[in-house]
Amino acid sequence: MTTTIYIAPAAGDTHHPQCRIYACSVPIVGMVRDHYRANPDAWFETGLMNHRGQLVCFHGPDEQRQDLLDSQPLMAGLHFHYD
């Protein structure tokens, strides 16, 4: 099964926004951001990133969690693909 993890930009004008981390298990053709915007029902929330780029929480396989931790500081728009 193919899985894509995507860190979506924070919504709103809060002082310390948290970006939501989403996962999708369907193959994505083209830009991940565009797929996320065009097909929101294909994605499910799996974690949070704080305003400092640190992983706050993540519900998923240990391999994916470790990749996120190893990539800190994280940023909106970052994505990972798993086969």
C-alpha atoms as a PDB file:
ATOM      1  CA  MET A   1       0.000   0.000   0.000  1.00  0.00           C
ATOM      2  CA  THR A   2       1.248   3.471  -0.901  1.00  0.00           C
ATOM      3  CA  THR A   3       1.019   6.165   1.774  1.00  0.00           C
ATOM      4  CA  THR A   4       1.793   9.856   1.525  1.00  0.00           C
ATOM      5  CA  ILE A   5       2.290  12.067   4.569  1.00  0.00           C
ATOM      6  CA  TYR A   6       1.718  15.813   4.050  1.00  0.00           C
ATOM      7  CA  ILE A   7       2.122  18.767   6.423  1.00  0.00           C
ATOM      8  CA  ALA A   8      -0.630  21.222   5.542  1.00  0.00           C
ATOM      9  CA  PRO A   9      -0.173  24.961   6.172  1.00  0.00           C
ATOM     10  CA  ALA A  10      -1.783  26.250   9.375  1.00  0.00           C
ATOM     11  CA  ALA A  11      -5.167  27.891   8.979  1.00  0.00           C
ATOM     12  CA  GLY A  12      -6.113  31.131  10.701  1.00  0.00           C
ATOM     13  CA  ASP A  13      -4.149  33.982  12.176  1.00  0.00           C
ATOM     14  CA  THR A  14      -3.278  32.576  15.583  1.00  0.00           C
ATOM     15  CA  HIS A  15      -0.070  33.710  17.275  1.00  0.00           C
ATOM     16  CA  HIS A  16       1.368  30.174  17.522  1.00  0.00           C
ATOM     17  CA  PRO A  17      -0.320  28.098  14.814  1.00  0.00           C
ATOM     18  CA  GLN A  18      -0.078  24.332  14.639  1.00  0.00           C
ATOM     19  CA  CYS A  19       0.121  22.653  11.247  1.00  0.00           C
ATOM     20  CA  ARG A  20      -1.875  19.494  10.820  1.00  0.00           C
ATOM     21  CA  ILE A  21      -0.239  16.395   9.407  1.00  0.00           C
ATOM     22  CA  TYR A  22      -2.335  14.312   7.026  1.00  0.00           C
ATOM     23  CA  ALA A  23      -1.965  10.905   5.409  1.00  0.00           C
ATOM     24  CA  CYS A  24      -3.403   9.544   2.184  1.00  0.00           C
ATOM     25  CA  SER A  25      -3.288   5.941   1.016  1.00  0.00           C
ATOM     26  CA  VAL A  26      -4.206   6.386  -2.647  1.00  0.00           C
ATOM     27  CA  PRO A  27      -1.607   6.950  -5.377  1.00  0.00           C
ATOM     28  CA  ILE A  28      -1.032  10.650  -6.054  1.00  0.00           C
ATOM     29  CA  VAL A  29      -0.307  11.955  -9.516  1.00  0.00           C
ATOM     30  CA  GLY A  30       1.148  15.445  -9.674  1.00  0.00           C
ATOM     31  CA  MET A  31       1.699  17.851  -6.796  1.00  0.00           C
ATOM     32  CA  VAL A  32       0.829  16.596  -3.315  1.00  0.00           C
ATOM     33  CA  ARG A  33      -0.497  20.023  -2.300  1.00  0.00           C
ATOM     34  CA  ASP A  34      -2.842  20.135  -5.287  1.00  0.00           C
ATOM     35  CA  HIS A  35      -4.134  16.618  -4.576  1.00  0.00           C
ATOM     36  CA  TYR A  36      -4.741  17.544  -0.928  1.00  0.00           C
ATOM     37  CA  ARG A  37      -6.719  20.647  -1.929  1.00  0.00           C
ATOM     38  CA  ALA A  38      -8.734  18.913  -4.668  1.00  0.00           C
ATOM     39  CA  ASN A  39      -9.444  15.689  -2.725  1.00  0.00           C
ATOM     40  CA  PRO A  40      -9.748  16.546   0.978  1.00  0.00           C
ATOM     41  CA  ASP A  41     -11.867  13.464   1.703  1.00  0.00           C
ATOM     42  CA  ALA A  42      -8.999  11.192   0.609  1.00  0.00           C
ATOM     43  CA  TRP A  43      -6.821  12.507   3.471  1.00  0.00           C
ATOM     44  CA  PHE A  44      -7.079  11.856   7.211  1.00  0.00           C
ATOM     45  CA  GLU A  45      -5.431  13.743  10.048  1.00  0.00           C
ATOM     46  CA  THR A  46      -2.589  11.850  11.648  1.00  0.00           C
ATOM     47  CA  GLY A  47      -0.618  14.408  13.668  1.00  0.00           C
ATOM     48  CA  LEU A  48       0.386  17.965  14.573  1.00  0.00           C
ATOM     49  CA  MET A  49       3.464  20.132  14.121  1.00  0.00           C
ATOM     50  CA  ASN A  50       3.969  23.201  16.321  1.00  0.00           C
ATOM     51  CA  HIS A  51       5.070  26.687  15.212  1.00  0.00           C
ATOM     52  CA  ARG A  52       8.721  25.763  15.831  1.00  0.00           C
ATOM     53  CA  GLY A  53       8.647  22.855  13.383  1.00  0.00           C
ATOM     54  CA  GLN A  54       8.566  20.199  16.085  1.00  0.00           C
ATOM     55  CA  LEU A  55       6.400  17.115  15.953  1.00  0.00           C
ATOM     56  CA  VAL A  56       3.731  17.418  18.667  1.00  0.00           C
ATOM     57  CA  CYS A  57       1.937  14.126  18.071  1.00  0.00           C
ATOM     58  CA  PHE A  58       1.716  11.487  15.363  1.00  0.00           C
ATOM     59  CA  HIS A  59      -0.497   8.439  14.967  1.00  0.00           C
ATOM     60  CA  GLY A  60       1.135   6.138  12.475  1.00  0.00           C
ATOM     61  CA  PRO A  61       3.871   3.566  11.947  1.00  0.00           C
ATOM     62  CA  ASP A  62       7.163   3.989  13.803  1.00  0.00           C
ATOM     63  CA  GLU A  63       9.083   4.328  10.509  1.00  0.00           C
ATOM     64  CA  GLN A  64       7.012   7.356   9.512  1.00  0.00           C
ATOM     65  CA  ARG A  65       7.258   8.900  12.997  1.00  0.00           C
ATOM     66  CA  GLN A  66      11.037   8.513  12.933  1.00  0.00           C
ATOM     67  CA  ASP A  67      11.273  10.136   9.485  1.00  0.00           C
ATOM     68  CA  LEU A  68       9.340  13.139  10.799  1.00  0.00           C
ATOM     69  CA  LEU A  69      11.534  13.356  13.902  1.00  0.00           C
ATOM     70  CA  ASP A  70      14.714  13.070  11.809  1.00  0.00           C
ATOM     71  CA  SER A  71      13.505  15.895   9.533  1.00  0.00           C
ATOM     72  CA  GLN A  72      12.935  18.439  12.315  1.00  0.00           C
ATOM     73  CA  PRO A  73      12.535  21.320  12.111  1.00  0.00           C
ATOM     74  CA  LEU A  74       9.553  20.457   9.937  1.00  0.00           C
ATOM     75  CA  MET A  75       7.743  22.942   7.699  1.00  0.00           C
ATOM     76  CA  ALA A  76       4.405  23.237   5.976  1.00  0.00           C
ATOM     77  CA  GLY A  77       4.377  21.685   2.527  1.00  0.00           C
ATOM     78  CA  LEU A  78       6.797  18.911   3.437  1.00  0.00           C
ATOM     79  CA  HIS A  79       5.694  15.464   2.288  1.00  0.00           C
ATOM     80  CA  PHE A  80       6.924  11.867   2.481  1.00  0.00           C
ATOM     81  CA  HIS A  81       6.054   8.888   0.263  1.00  0.00           C
ATOM     82  CA  TYR A  82       6.013   5.255   1.418  1.00  0.00           C
ATOM     83  CA  ASP A  83       5.457   2.120  -0.672  1.00  0.00           C
END
